[in-house]
């Protein structure tokens, strides 16, 4: 099974108080990853009312043309948002205040449980020595 990691990073650009946060979602196909990315973009656009000062004509055309086809709608909207992220998500003090990335396809991720446990024991032992 393939895994795609979708990460959205948001940066507020309040004067001299830059704050960043991120959220992630996992998808089992690239098409689902695109849908996750579009969901992140749509949430950001609706929360920040970006279309109040950004021309939404192209966005509306994509939605109207693809009402009956979810995959084409998601692909069109993803390309729309990705085509000009600096233009739509442009801050006063931070150049880009919102961006989304889709991580490359990965196979099943196997954890090395013994190495993780060993590291935990090492840290535990080093902190016990300090007491």
N, C-alpha and C. Protein backbone atom coordinates (compact mmCIF):
# COMPACT_ATOMS: atom_id res chain seq x y z
N UNK A 1 0.84 -1.18 0.00
CA UNK A 1 0.00 0.00 0.00
C UNK A 1 0.89 1.24 0.00
N UNK A 2 0.54 2.22 -0.80
CA UNK A 2 1.26 3.49 -0.86
C UNK A 2 0.70 4.46 0.16
N UNK A 3 1.57 5.34 0.61
CA UNK A 3 1.15 6.36 1.57
C UNK A 3 1.66 7.70 1.08
N UNK A 4 0.79 8.70 1.07
CA UNK A 4 1.15 10.07 0.74
C UNK A 4 0.87 10.92 1.97
N UNK A 5 1.81 11.79 2.31
CA UNK A 5 1.66 12.68 3.45
C UNK A 5 1.37 14.08 2.91
N UNK A 6 0.27 14.67 3.32
CA UNK A 6 -0.11 16.01 2.90
C UNK A 6 0.08 16.93 4.10
N UNK A 7 0.86 17.98 3.92
CA UNK A 7 1.16 18.90 5.02
C UNK A 7 0.77 20.32 4.63
N UNK A 8 0.03 20.96 5.51
CA UNK A 8 -0.35 22.37 5.33
C UNK A 8 0.35 23.18 6.41
N UNK A 9 1.01 24.25 6.00
CA UNK A 9 1.71 25.12 6.94
C UNK A 9 1.11 26.51 6.84
N UNK A 10 0.71 27.03 7.98
CA UNK A 10 0.11 28.35 8.05
C UNK A 10 0.99 29.25 8.90
N UNK A 11 1.20 30.46 8.43
CA UNK A 11 2.01 31.42 9.16
C UNK A 11 1.24 32.72 9.32
N UNK A 12 1.04 33.14 10.55
CA UNK A 12 0.42 34.45 10.76
C UNK A 12 1.54 35.47 10.75
N UNK A 13 1.26 36.62 10.19
CA UNK A 13 2.32 37.62 10.06
C UNK A 13 1.99 38.88 10.84
N UNK A 14 1.47 38.70 12.05
CA UNK A 14 1.27 39.84 12.91
C UNK A 14 2.62 40.51 13.13
N UNK A 15 2.61 41.79 13.13
CA UNK A 15 3.86 42.56 13.23
C UNK A 15 4.72 42.08 14.39
N UNK A 16 5.93 41.62 14.06
CA UNK A 16 6.94 41.16 15.02
C UNK A 16 6.51 39.96 15.85
N UNK A 17 5.41 39.30 15.49
CA UNK A 17 4.96 38.11 16.21
C UNK A 17 4.59 37.03 15.20
N UNK A 18 5.59 36.53 14.53
CA UNK A 18 5.35 35.50 13.52
C UNK A 18 5.05 34.18 14.22
N UNK A 19 3.99 33.53 13.80
CA UNK A 19 3.57 32.26 14.40
C UNK A 19 3.27 31.28 13.28
N UNK A 20 3.81 30.09 13.38
CA UNK A 20 3.57 29.06 12.37
C UNK A 20 2.91 27.85 13.00
N UNK A 21 2.06 27.20 12.23
CA UNK A 21 1.46 25.94 12.65
C UNK A 21 1.32 25.07 11.42
N UNK A 22 1.21 23.77 11.65
CA UNK A 22 1.05 22.87 10.53
C UNK A 22 0.08 21.75 10.89
N UNK A 23 -0.48 21.17 9.86
CA UNK A 23 -1.39 20.03 10.01
C UNK A 23 -1.05 19.03 8.92
N UNK A 24 -1.26 17.76 9.21
CA UNK A 24 -0.98 16.73 8.21
C UNK A 24 -2.15 15.78 8.07
N UNK A 25 -2.23 15.19 6.90
CA UNK A 25 -3.19 14.13 6.61
C UNK A 25 -2.46 13.08 5.79
N UNK A 26 -2.91 11.84 5.90
CA UNK A 26 -2.34 10.77 5.09
C UNK A 26 -3.39 10.28 4.10
N UNK A 27 -2.91 9.88 2.93
CA UNK A 27 -3.80 9.35 1.89
C UNK A 27 -3.16 8.12 1.27
N UNK A 28 -4.00 7.22 0.79
CA UNK A 28 -3.50 5.98 0.23
C UNK A 28 -3.34 6.03 -1.29
N UNK A 29 -3.73 7.14 -1.92
CA UNK A 29 -3.50 7.31 -3.36
C UNK A 29 -3.19 8.78 -3.62
N UNK A 30 -2.56 9.04 -4.76
CA UNK A 30 -2.23 10.42 -5.09
C UNK A 30 -3.50 11.26 -5.26
N UNK A 31 -4.53 10.68 -5.85
CA UNK A 31 -5.79 11.39 -6.06
C UNK A 31 -6.40 11.80 -4.72
N UNK A 32 -6.34 10.90 -3.73
CA UNK A 32 -6.85 11.24 -2.41
C UNK A 32 -5.98 12.29 -1.73
N UNK A 33 -4.68 12.25 -1.99
CA UNK A 33 -3.78 13.27 -1.44
C UNK A 33 -4.11 14.64 -2.01
N UNK A 34 -4.42 14.69 -3.30
CA UNK A 34 -4.82 15.95 -3.92
C UNK A 34 -6.10 16.46 -3.27
N UNK A 35 -7.06 15.57 -3.02
CA UNK A 35 -8.30 15.97 -2.37
C UNK A 35 -8.03 16.51 -0.96
N UNK A 36 -7.12 15.88 -0.23
CA UNK A 36 -6.75 16.38 1.10
C UNK A 36 -6.13 17.76 1.01
N UNK A 37 -5.25 17.95 0.02
CA UNK A 37 -4.60 19.25 -0.16
C UNK A 37 -5.63 20.32 -0.48
N UNK A 38 -6.57 20.01 -1.35
CA UNK A 38 -7.62 20.96 -1.71
C UNK A 38 -8.47 21.29 -0.47
N UNK A 39 -8.76 20.28 0.34
CA UNK A 39 -9.51 20.53 1.57
C UNK A 39 -8.79 21.53 2.47
N UNK A 40 -7.47 21.36 2.63
CA UNK A 40 -6.68 22.33 3.40
C UNK A 40 -6.80 23.72 2.81
N UNK A 41 -6.65 23.84 1.49
CA UNK A 41 -6.76 25.14 0.84
C UNK A 41 -8.14 25.75 1.04
N UNK A 42 -9.19 24.96 0.85
CA UNK A 42 -10.55 25.47 0.99
C UNK A 42 -10.83 25.94 2.41
N UNK A 43 -10.34 25.20 3.40
CA UNK A 43 -10.51 25.62 4.79
C UNK A 43 -9.83 26.96 5.04
N UNK A 44 -8.63 27.12 4.49
CA UNK A 44 -7.89 28.37 4.67
C UNK A 44 -8.60 29.53 3.98
N UNK A 45 -9.08 29.29 2.76
CA UNK A 45 -9.77 30.35 2.02
C UNK A 45 -11.06 30.75 2.75
N UNK A 46 -11.81 29.79 3.24
CA UNK A 46 -13.07 30.13 3.90
C UNK A 46 -12.85 30.78 5.26
N UNK A 47 -11.80 30.37 5.98
CA UNK A 47 -11.52 30.98 7.28
C UNK A 47 -11.02 32.41 7.17
N UNK A 48 -10.26 32.69 6.12
CA UNK A 48 -9.62 34.01 6.00
C UNK A 48 -10.33 34.93 5.01
N UNK A 49 -11.39 34.47 4.40
CA UNK A 49 -12.16 35.27 3.44
C UNK A 49 -11.25 35.87 2.37
N UNK A 50 -10.39 35.03 1.80
CA UNK A 50 -9.41 35.47 0.81
C UNK A 50 -10.08 36.05 -0.44
N UNK A 51 -11.24 35.54 -0.80
CA UNK A 51 -11.86 35.99 -2.03
C UNK A 51 -12.48 37.37 -1.92
N UNK A 52 -12.46 37.95 -0.71
CA UNK A 52 -12.94 39.32 -0.58
C UNK A 52 -12.03 40.29 -1.33
N UNK A 53 -10.74 39.98 -1.43
CA UNK A 53 -9.81 40.86 -2.13
C UNK A 53 -9.02 40.14 -3.24
N UNK A 54 -9.40 38.91 -3.53
CA UNK A 54 -8.74 38.15 -4.60
C UNK A 54 -9.79 37.75 -5.62
N UNK A 55 -9.48 37.89 -6.88
CA UNK A 55 -10.42 37.55 -7.95
C UNK A 55 -10.74 36.07 -7.94
N UNK A 56 -12.00 35.72 -7.77
CA UNK A 56 -12.41 34.32 -7.68
C UNK A 56 -13.01 33.80 -8.98
N UNK A 57 -12.87 34.53 -10.07
CA UNK A 57 -13.48 34.12 -11.33
C UNK A 57 -13.01 32.74 -11.79
N UNK A 58 -11.71 32.51 -11.81
CA UNK A 58 -11.17 31.21 -12.26
C UNK A 58 -11.63 30.09 -11.33
N UNK A 59 -11.65 30.36 -10.03
CA UNK A 59 -12.13 29.38 -9.05
C UNK A 59 -13.57 28.99 -9.37
N UNK A 60 -14.43 29.98 -9.57
CA UNK A 60 -15.84 29.72 -9.86
C UNK A 60 -16.02 28.93 -11.15
N UNK A 61 -15.21 29.23 -12.15
CA UNK A 61 -15.30 28.52 -13.43
C UNK A 61 -14.95 27.04 -13.26
N UNK A 62 -13.92 26.76 -12.47
CA UNK A 62 -13.52 25.37 -12.22
C UNK A 62 -14.63 24.61 -11.51
N UNK A 63 -15.22 25.23 -10.49
CA UNK A 63 -16.30 24.58 -9.73
C UNK A 63 -17.50 24.34 -10.63
N UNK A 64 -17.89 25.34 -11.41
CA UNK A 64 -19.05 25.20 -12.29
C UNK A 64 -18.84 24.13 -13.36
N UNK A 65 -17.64 24.04 -13.91
CA UNK A 65 -17.36 23.09 -14.99
C UNK A 65 -17.25 21.65 -14.51
N UNK A 66 -17.01 21.44 -13.21
CA UNK A 66 -16.74 20.09 -12.73
C UNK A 66 -17.66 19.65 -11.59
N UNK A 67 -18.85 20.16 -11.57
CA UNK A 67 -19.78 19.83 -10.48
C UNK A 67 -20.06 18.33 -10.37
N UNK A 68 -20.11 17.62 -11.47
CA UNK A 68 -20.45 16.20 -11.45
C UNK A 68 -19.27 15.26 -11.40
N UNK A 69 -18.05 15.79 -11.37
CA UNK A 69 -16.87 14.95 -11.43
C UNK A 69 -15.90 15.34 -10.32
N UNK A 70 -15.96 14.62 -9.21
CA UNK A 70 -15.18 14.96 -8.02
C UNK A 70 -13.68 15.00 -8.31
N UNK A 71 -13.16 13.99 -9.00
CA UNK A 71 -11.71 13.92 -9.26
C UNK A 71 -11.24 15.11 -10.11
N UNK A 72 -11.99 15.44 -11.17
CA UNK A 72 -11.62 16.58 -12.00
C UNK A 72 -11.74 17.88 -11.23
N UNK A 73 -12.75 17.97 -10.37
CA UNK A 73 -12.91 19.15 -9.53
C UNK A 73 -11.70 19.33 -8.62
N UNK A 74 -11.30 18.24 -7.96
CA UNK A 74 -10.16 18.32 -7.04
C UNK A 74 -8.86 18.65 -7.79
N UNK A 75 -8.65 18.03 -8.95
CA UNK A 75 -7.46 18.29 -9.74
C UNK A 75 -7.43 19.75 -10.21
N UNK A 76 -8.56 20.23 -10.71
CA UNK A 76 -8.63 21.62 -11.18
C UNK A 76 -8.39 22.62 -10.06
N UNK A 77 -8.99 22.38 -8.91
CA UNK A 77 -8.81 23.30 -7.79
C UNK A 77 -7.38 23.25 -7.25
N UNK A 78 -6.80 22.04 -7.21
CA UNK A 78 -5.42 21.92 -6.75
C UNK A 78 -4.49 22.72 -7.66
N UNK A 79 -4.65 22.57 -8.97
CA UNK A 79 -3.82 23.32 -9.92
C UNK A 79 -4.05 24.82 -9.77
N UNK A 80 -5.30 25.22 -9.52
CA UNK A 80 -5.62 26.64 -9.31
C UNK A 80 -4.87 27.20 -8.11
N UNK A 81 -4.95 26.51 -6.98
CA UNK A 81 -4.29 27.01 -5.77
C UNK A 81 -2.77 26.97 -5.90
N UNK A 82 -2.26 25.92 -6.53
CA UNK A 82 -0.81 25.77 -6.66
C UNK A 82 -0.21 26.73 -7.68
N UNK A 83 -1.01 27.27 -8.59
CA UNK A 83 -0.48 28.12 -9.66
C UNK A 83 0.02 29.47 -9.15
N UNK A 84 -0.52 29.96 -8.04
CA UNK A 84 -0.11 31.28 -7.56
C UNK A 84 -0.27 31.39 -6.05
N UNK A 85 0.45 30.56 -5.30
CA UNK A 85 0.27 30.60 -3.84
C UNK A 85 0.72 31.92 -3.23
N UNK A 86 1.74 32.57 -3.82
CA UNK A 86 2.18 33.84 -3.28
C UNK A 86 1.14 34.93 -3.52
N UNK A 87 0.42 34.84 -4.62
CA UNK A 87 -0.59 35.85 -4.92
C UNK A 87 -1.79 35.80 -4.01
N UNK A 88 -2.25 34.59 -3.73
CA UNK A 88 -3.44 34.47 -2.89
C UNK A 88 -3.11 34.51 -1.41
N UNK A 89 -2.04 33.86 -1.02
CA UNK A 89 -1.69 33.76 0.40
C UNK A 89 -0.45 34.62 0.67
N UNK A 90 -0.59 35.91 0.44
CA UNK A 90 0.51 36.84 0.53
C UNK A 90 0.37 37.66 1.81
N UNK A 91 1.41 37.65 2.63
CA UNK A 91 1.37 38.39 3.87
C UNK A 91 2.13 39.69 3.78
N UNK A 92 1.93 40.52 4.78
CA UNK A 92 2.62 41.81 4.81
C UNK A 92 4.08 41.64 5.23
N UNK A 93 4.31 40.79 6.22
CA UNK A 93 5.67 40.60 6.74
C UNK A 93 6.26 39.25 6.37
N UNK A 94 5.41 38.28 6.04
CA UNK A 94 5.85 36.95 5.65
C UNK A 94 5.40 36.74 4.20
N UNK A 95 6.32 36.43 3.28
CA UNK A 95 5.94 36.36 1.86
C UNK A 95 4.78 35.41 1.57
N UNK A 96 4.83 34.19 2.05
CA UNK A 96 3.74 33.24 1.83
C UNK A 96 3.21 32.79 3.18
N UNK A 97 1.94 33.03 3.43
CA UNK A 97 1.39 32.72 4.74
C UNK A 97 0.71 31.37 4.81
N UNK A 98 0.55 30.70 3.65
CA UNK A 98 -0.07 29.38 3.66
C UNK A 98 0.44 28.58 2.48
N UNK A 99 0.84 27.34 2.74
CA UNK A 99 1.28 26.47 1.66
C UNK A 99 0.96 25.02 2.01
N UNK A 100 0.77 24.23 0.98
CA UNK A 100 0.44 22.82 1.14
C UNK A 100 1.41 22.01 0.29
N UNK A 101 1.88 20.90 0.83
CA UNK A 101 2.76 20.03 0.05
C UNK A 101 2.28 18.59 0.17
N UNK A 102 2.51 17.85 -0.91
CA UNK A 102 2.18 16.42 -0.93
C UNK A 102 3.51 15.67 -0.98
N UNK A 103 3.76 14.86 0.05
CA UNK A 103 4.99 14.09 0.12
C UNK A 103 5.01 12.99 -0.91
N UNK A 104 6.19 12.60 -1.32
CA UNK A 104 6.35 11.53 -2.31
C UNK A 104 5.76 10.22 -1.81
N UNK A 105 5.42 9.38 -2.76
CA UNK A 105 4.87 8.06 -2.45
C UNK A 105 5.88 7.26 -1.62
N UNK A 106 5.37 6.65 -0.59
CA UNK A 106 6.18 5.80 0.25
C UNK A 106 5.49 4.45 0.39
N UNK A 107 6.29 3.44 0.55
CA UNK A 107 5.73 2.12 0.81
C UNK A 107 5.37 2.01 2.27
N UNK A 108 5.03 0.83 2.68
CA UNK A 108 4.74 0.63 4.10
C UNK A 108 5.96 1.02 4.92
N UNK A 109 5.71 1.77 5.96
CA UNK A 109 6.79 2.22 6.82
C UNK A 109 6.92 1.25 7.98
N UNK A 110 8.10 0.66 8.09
CA UNK A 110 8.33 -0.30 9.17
C UNK A 110 9.14 0.37 10.27
N UNK A 111 8.67 0.24 11.49
CA UNK A 111 9.38 0.82 12.62
C UNK A 111 10.40 -0.17 13.15
N UNK A 112 11.56 0.34 13.50
CA UNK A 112 12.57 -0.47 14.15
C UNK A 112 12.30 -0.37 15.65
N UNK A 113 11.43 -1.24 16.14
CA UNK A 113 10.96 -1.14 17.52
C UNK A 113 12.09 -1.29 18.53
N UNK A 114 13.02 -2.17 18.27
CA UNK A 114 14.10 -2.38 19.25
C UNK A 114 15.00 -1.15 19.34
N UNK A 115 15.26 -0.49 18.21
CA UNK A 115 16.10 0.70 18.24
C UNK A 115 15.42 1.84 18.98
N UNK A 116 14.11 1.98 18.81
CA UNK A 116 13.37 3.03 19.51
C UNK A 116 13.34 2.75 21.00
N UNK A 117 13.09 1.50 21.36
CA UNK A 117 13.06 1.13 22.78
C UNK A 117 14.44 1.32 23.40
N UNK A 118 15.49 0.96 22.66
CA UNK A 118 16.86 1.11 23.16
C UNK A 118 17.18 2.58 23.42
N UNK A 119 16.75 3.45 22.52
CA UNK A 119 16.97 4.89 22.70
C UNK A 119 16.24 5.39 23.94
N UNK A 120 15.02 4.93 24.15
CA UNK A 120 14.26 5.32 25.34
C UNK A 120 14.98 4.87 26.61
N UNK A 121 15.51 3.64 26.59
CA UNK A 121 16.23 3.14 27.76
C UNK A 121 17.52 3.94 28.00
N UNK A 122 18.21 4.31 26.90
CA UNK A 122 19.43 5.11 27.04
C UNK A 122 19.14 6.46 27.68
N UNK A 123 18.09 7.09 27.21
CA UNK A 123 17.71 8.40 27.77
C UNK A 123 17.31 8.25 29.23
N UNK A 124 16.57 7.21 29.51
CA UNK A 124 16.12 6.96 30.89
C UNK A 124 17.33 6.76 31.79
N UNK A 125 18.31 5.97 31.34
CA UNK A 125 19.50 5.71 32.14
C UNK A 125 20.34 6.97 32.34
N UNK A 126 20.43 7.80 31.30
CA UNK A 126 21.23 9.03 31.44
C UNK A 126 20.56 10.02 32.39
N UNK A 127 19.25 10.05 32.41
CA UNK A 127 18.57 10.96 33.34
C UNK A 127 18.62 10.41 34.76
N UNK A 128 18.68 9.11 34.91
CA UNK A 128 18.79 8.49 36.25
C UNK A 128 20.16 8.80 36.84
N UNK A 129 21.20 8.86 35.98
CA UNK A 129 22.55 9.16 36.46
C UNK A 129 22.66 10.60 36.99
N UNK A 130 21.81 11.49 36.46
CA UNK A 130 21.85 12.90 36.88
C UNK A 130 21.17 13.11 38.22
N UNK A 131 20.34 12.17 38.66
CA UNK A 131 19.59 12.35 39.91
C UNK A 131 20.44 12.12 41.12
